[in-house]
Amino acid sequence: MTLTSIAHLSVNERPRERLQRLGTDALSNRELLAIILRNGTQKFPVLELANQILTHFSGSLNQLAAADPKELQKIPGIGIAKSMELHAAFALASRMTQEQANRRTKANSPDAVAEYIREKVRFAQQEEFHVITLNARHEIIRSEKITQGLIDRSLVHAREVFRTAIRENSMSIIIAHNHPSGNPLPSNADILITEQLFYAGKIIDIQLLDHLIIGEQSHEFPKGFYSFKEHHIRPFTQKNDIPQKTKKTK
């Protein structure tokens, strides 16, 4: 069924006018999208175009927010300009959420850090490796994505991780990445990367406090994440000194 063009609606029923009179809570997702899109095409009125977008993503704003411009351009009536406008709008919303989180997040527990970083990787379809820099009061300064894709030592370089910390004048960091499979249990590669970064940090006097792996809640992992420090996984054991080479006995 073709939806009515805005031009054929009474002034009081048009999305912008309704927004002005009643506020955002009174508008549907379709109407809010129509305001962002501003206009439709010769074939699709803007309200119909907004409806097509929602239908494409099964009505899920989370899926829409996670879509890249190329995915958006698969929708009839959405070209490069409109796909970029939508992508930018959701990126600003995500940054606002992170800005608010930064103001109140103190990295005094793995739970607090997991809640902070989960927003960063919520829509990630691949593994993403992030470094979180902390100030002297263990408050989060910022986080930065270092790499994306299958995480291994060839992609995660100490120089990239600690460059961010040095630039922010940070005395400590926490690293985190996601497992799209949902299972946050660390792999052998995860453990090796953590050890490498832990001892590299000791050399330049920037402490690695923890490594979090974000997954999904399950019976085994009710919190939906894995903390190396909480589980006392190496190198977060009682003895964390840089390993010394043992002398060979003659």
Protein backbone atom coordinates (compact mmCIF):
# COMPACT_ATOMS: atom_id res chain seq x y z
CA MET A 1 0.00 0.00 0.00
CA THR A 2 1.41 3.38 -1.00
CA LEU A 3 1.66 5.84 1.84
CA THR A 4 0.33 9.37 1.53
CA SER A 5 2.78 12.06 0.46
CA ILE A 6 3.49 14.74 3.06
CA ALA A 7 2.19 17.32 0.59
CA HIS A 8 -1.24 15.69 0.84
CA LEU A 9 -1.31 15.69 4.64
CA SER A 10 -2.88 18.51 6.60
CA VAL A 11 -0.33 20.88 8.15
CA ASN A 12 -1.03 19.54 11.65
CA GLU A 13 -0.32 15.95 10.54
CA ARG A 14 3.07 16.60 8.93
CA PRO A 15 6.03 15.16 10.87
CA ARG A 16 7.94 18.41 11.32
CA GLU A 17 4.89 20.28 12.50
CA ARG A 18 3.95 17.43 14.86
CA LEU A 19 7.49 17.43 16.23
CA GLN A 20 7.33 21.16 16.85
CA ARG A 21 3.96 20.94 18.61
CA LEU A 22 4.21 17.63 20.47
CA GLY A 23 7.89 16.70 20.79
CA THR A 24 9.73 13.54 19.75
CA ASP A 25 7.78 11.14 21.99
CA ALA A 26 4.62 11.72 19.95
CA LEU A 27 6.26 10.71 16.65
CA SER A 28 6.70 7.21 15.27
CA ASN A 29 10.09 5.91 14.13
CA ARG A 30 8.86 6.31 10.56
CA GLU A 31 8.09 9.99 11.11
CA LEU A 32 11.42 10.69 12.79
CA LEU A 33 13.26 8.99 9.91
CA ALA A 34 11.26 11.07 7.44
CA ILE A 35 12.45 14.24 9.16
CA ILE A 36 16.08 13.11 8.87
CA LEU A 37 15.61 12.19 5.20
CA ARG A 38 13.90 15.57 4.58
CA ASN A 39 12.47 14.59 1.20
CA GLY A 40 11.64 11.56 -0.86
CA THR A 41 12.18 10.77 -4.50
CA GLN A 42 9.99 11.10 -7.57
CA LYS A 43 8.92 7.50 -7.07
CA PHE A 44 8.84 7.30 -3.27
CA PRO A 45 7.34 9.97 -0.96
CA VAL A 46 9.51 10.51 2.10
CA LEU A 47 7.15 8.70 4.49
CA GLU A 48 7.08 5.68 2.20
CA LEU A 49 10.87 5.82 1.91
CA ALA A 50 11.17 5.85 5.71
CA ASN A 51 8.80 2.90 5.88
CA GLN A 52 10.90 0.96 3.36
CA ILE A 53 14.01 1.52 5.46
CA LEU A 54 12.35 0.17 8.59
CA THR A 55 10.92 -2.80 6.69
CA HIS A 56 14.37 -3.61 5.26
CA PHE A 57 15.72 -3.90 8.81
CA SER A 58 12.62 -5.68 10.20
CA GLY A 59 11.71 -2.57 12.18
CA SER A 60 14.94 -2.78 14.23
CA LEU A 61 16.65 0.54 14.93
CA ASN A 62 19.68 -1.39 16.22
CA GLN A 63 20.10 -3.09 12.85
CA LEU A 64 19.61 0.21 11.05
CA ALA A 65 22.20 1.93 13.25
CA ALA A 66 24.71 -0.87 12.57
CA ALA A 67 24.27 -0.73 8.78
CA ASP A 68 27.02 0.83 6.70
CA PRO A 69 26.25 3.18 3.80
CA LYS A 70 26.60 0.39 1.22
CA GLU A 71 23.92 -1.65 2.96
CA LEU A 72 21.63 1.39 3.12
CA GLN A 73 22.08 2.00 -0.60
CA LYS A 74 20.50 -1.38 -1.34
CA ILE A 75 17.14 0.14 -0.38
CA PRO A 76 15.26 1.61 -3.37
CA GLY A 77 15.30 5.38 -3.16
CA ILE A 78 18.40 5.58 -0.92
CA GLY A 79 21.42 6.94 -2.76
CA ILE A 80 24.85 7.99 -1.56
CA ALA A 81 23.72 11.29 -0.02
CA LYS A 82 20.83 9.88 2.01
CA SER A 83 22.84 6.85 3.13
CA MET A 84 25.58 9.15 4.42
CA GLU A 85 23.05 11.37 6.20
CA LEU A 86 21.52 8.38 8.00
CA HIS A 87 24.91 6.92 8.85
CA ALA A 88 26.10 10.26 10.24
CA ALA A 89 22.92 10.70 12.33
CA PHE A 90 23.36 7.34 14.04
CA ALA A 91 27.10 7.94 14.50
CA LEU A 92 26.35 11.19 16.34
CA ALA A 93 23.84 9.39 18.57
CA SER A 94 26.45 6.75 19.39
CA ARG A 95 29.09 9.40 20.17
CA MET A 96 26.66 11.22 22.45
CA THR A 97 26.12 7.98 24.38
CA GLN A 98 29.88 7.49 24.69
CA GLU A 99 30.41 11.10 25.77
CA GLN A 100 27.89 10.67 28.57
CA ALA A 101 29.49 7.38 29.58
CA ASN A 102 32.97 8.93 29.66
CA ARG A 103 31.85 11.54 32.17
CA ARG A 104 30.77 9.02 34.74
CA THR A 105 32.89 5.92 34.09
CA LYS A 106 35.55 5.08 36.60
CA ALA A 107 37.39 1.89 35.80
CA ASN A 108 37.20 0.59 39.35
CA SER A 109 35.72 -2.77 38.37
CA PRO A 110 35.59 -5.05 35.31
CA ASP A 111 31.80 -4.63 35.30
CA ALA A 112 32.07 -0.86 34.84
CA VAL A 113 34.59 -1.19 32.01
CA ALA A 114 32.57 -3.94 30.32
CA GLU A 115 29.46 -1.76 30.37
CA TYR A 116 31.47 1.08 28.81
CA ILE A 117 33.12 -0.94 26.04
CA ARG A 118 30.03 -3.00 25.22
CA GLU A 119 28.44 0.08 23.65
CA LYS A 120 31.47 0.40 21.37
CA VAL A 121 31.23 -3.15 20.01
CA ARG A 122 27.47 -3.65 20.25
CA PHE A 123 26.93 -3.77 16.48
CA ALA A 124 30.30 -5.23 15.47
CA GLN A 125 30.12 -8.18 13.11
CA GLN A 126 33.86 -8.84 13.38
CA GLU A 127 36.31 -8.87 16.25
CA GLU A 128 37.46 -5.40 17.27
CA PHE A 129 40.43 -4.70 19.52
CA HIS A 130 40.22 -1.56 21.68
CA VAL A 131 42.62 0.13 24.06
CA ILE A 132 41.13 2.12 26.94
CA THR A 133 43.35 4.80 28.45
CA LEU A 134 43.02 5.81 32.10
CA ASN A 135 44.11 8.81 34.13
CA ALA A 136 45.81 8.70 37.53
CA ARG A 137 42.40 8.31 39.25
CA HIS A 138 41.57 5.32 37.05
CA GLU A 139 38.92 7.30 35.19
CA ILE A 140 38.48 6.52 31.51
CA ILE A 141 40.06 9.13 29.26
CA ARG A 142 38.98 7.54 25.97
CA SER A 143 39.04 4.33 23.99
CA GLU A 144 40.46 3.73 20.56
CA LYS A 145 39.90 0.88 18.12
CA ILE A 146 43.30 -0.52 17.17
CA THR A 147 42.30 -3.20 14.71
CA GLN A 148 39.32 -5.03 13.25
CA GLY A 149 39.13 -8.61 12.07
CA LEU A 150 40.52 -11.85 13.45
CA ILE A 151 42.71 -10.85 16.40
CA ASP A 152 46.25 -12.20 16.42
CA ARG A 153 49.72 -10.96 17.28
CA SER A 154 50.45 -10.00 13.68
CA LEU A 155 47.67 -7.40 13.83
CA VAL A 156 47.88 -6.16 17.43
CA HIS A 157 51.23 -4.38 17.78
CA ALA A 158 52.48 -3.02 21.09
CA ARG A 159 53.56 0.18 19.37
CA GLU A 160 49.97 0.87 18.26
CA VAL A 161 48.49 0.06 21.65
CA PHE A 162 50.90 2.16 23.68
CA ARG A 163 51.10 5.02 21.19
CA THR A 164 47.58 5.97 22.28
CA ALA A 165 48.52 5.77 25.97
CA ILE A 166 51.64 7.87 25.49
CA ARG A 167 49.72 10.49 23.52
CA GLU A 168 47.11 10.73 26.31
CA ASN A 169 49.81 10.79 29.01
CA SER A 170 48.15 7.75 30.53
CA MET A 171 49.83 5.71 33.26
CA SER A 172 47.66 2.63 32.75
CA ILE A 173 45.44 0.99 30.15
CA ILE A 174 42.85 -1.74 29.79
CA ILE A 175 42.51 -3.67 26.56
CA ALA A 176 39.28 -5.20 25.32
CA HIS A 177 37.89 -7.02 22.35
CA ASN A 178 34.68 -8.77 21.40
CA HIS A 179 33.85 -12.32 20.36
CA PRO A 180 30.98 -12.14 17.84
CA SER A 181 30.32 -15.84 18.52
CA GLY A 182 29.06 -14.77 21.96
CA ASN A 183 31.47 -17.01 23.89
CA PRO A 184 33.92 -14.75 25.78
CA LEU A 185 36.34 -17.54 26.74
CA PRO A 186 39.87 -16.48 25.71
CA SER A 187 41.78 -18.35 23.04
CA ASN A 188 45.46 -19.19 23.25
CA ALA A 189 46.13 -16.28 20.89
CA ASP A 190 44.25 -13.94 23.27
CA ILE A 191 46.46 -15.08 26.16
CA LEU A 192 49.67 -14.68 24.17
CA ILE A 193 48.71 -11.19 23.00
CA THR A 194 47.91 -10.18 26.58
CA GLU A 195 51.26 -11.41 27.87
CA GLN A 196 53.10 -9.60 25.10
CA LEU A 197 51.36 -6.30 25.87
CA PHE A 198 51.63 -6.72 29.64
CA TYR A 199 55.42 -7.06 29.59
CA ALA A 200 55.83 -4.38 26.93
CA GLY A 201 53.94 -2.04 29.25
CA LYS A 202 56.27 -2.86 32.13
CA ILE A 203 59.25 -1.82 30.05
CA ILE A 204 57.80 1.64 29.26
CA ASP A 205 56.11 2.01 32.68
CA ILE A 206 52.52 1.92 31.47
CA GLN A 207 50.57 -0.71 33.37
CA LEU A 208 48.14 -3.05 31.65
CA LEU A 209 45.42 -3.53 34.26
CA ASP A 210 43.13 -6.04 32.58
CA HIS A 211 41.95 -7.59 29.34
CA LEU A 212 38.21 -7.92 28.82
CA ILE A 213 36.54 -10.10 26.23
CA ILE A 214 32.96 -9.08 25.49
CA GLY A 215 30.48 -11.78 24.53
CA GLU A 216 26.90 -12.64 25.39
CA GLN A 217 25.29 -13.62 28.66
CA SER A 218 25.05 -17.36 29.26
CA HIS A 219 24.83 -19.85 32.11
CA GLU A 220 28.63 -20.12 32.16
CA PHE A 221 29.18 -16.37 31.76
CA PRO A 222 26.17 -14.60 33.35
CA LYS A 223 27.85 -11.20 33.03
CA GLY A 224 28.48 -11.67 29.32
CA PHE A 225 32.20 -10.93 29.51
CA TYR A 226 35.50 -12.42 30.61
CA SER A 227 38.06 -10.56 32.72
CA PHE A 228 41.62 -11.90 32.68
CA LYS A 229 42.31 -10.29 36.04
CA GLU A 230 39.19 -11.69 37.71
CA HIS A 231 40.08 -15.18 36.51
CA HIS A 232 43.78 -14.79 37.40
CA ILE A 233 44.79 -15.75 33.88
CA ARG A 234 48.41 -15.13 33.00
CA PRO A 235 49.94 -12.65 33.12
CA PHE A 236 47.53 -11.46 35.87
CA THR A 237 48.79 -13.91 38.46
CA GLN A 238 50.39 -13.28 41.83
CA LYS A 239 53.86 -13.05 40.32
CA ASN A 240 53.89 -10.63 37.38
CA ASP A 241 57.57 -9.88 37.01
CA ILE A 242 59.11 -9.85 33.57
CA PRO A 243 60.37 -13.38 33.03
CA GLN A 244 64.13 -13.69 33.29
CA LYS A 245 66.13 -15.96 31.05
CA THR A 246 67.37 -18.89 32.99
CA LYS A 247 71.07 -19.61 32.81
CA LYS A 248 71.98 -22.93 31.36
CA THR A 249 73.87 -25.13 33.72
CA LYS A 250 77.01 -26.67 32.41
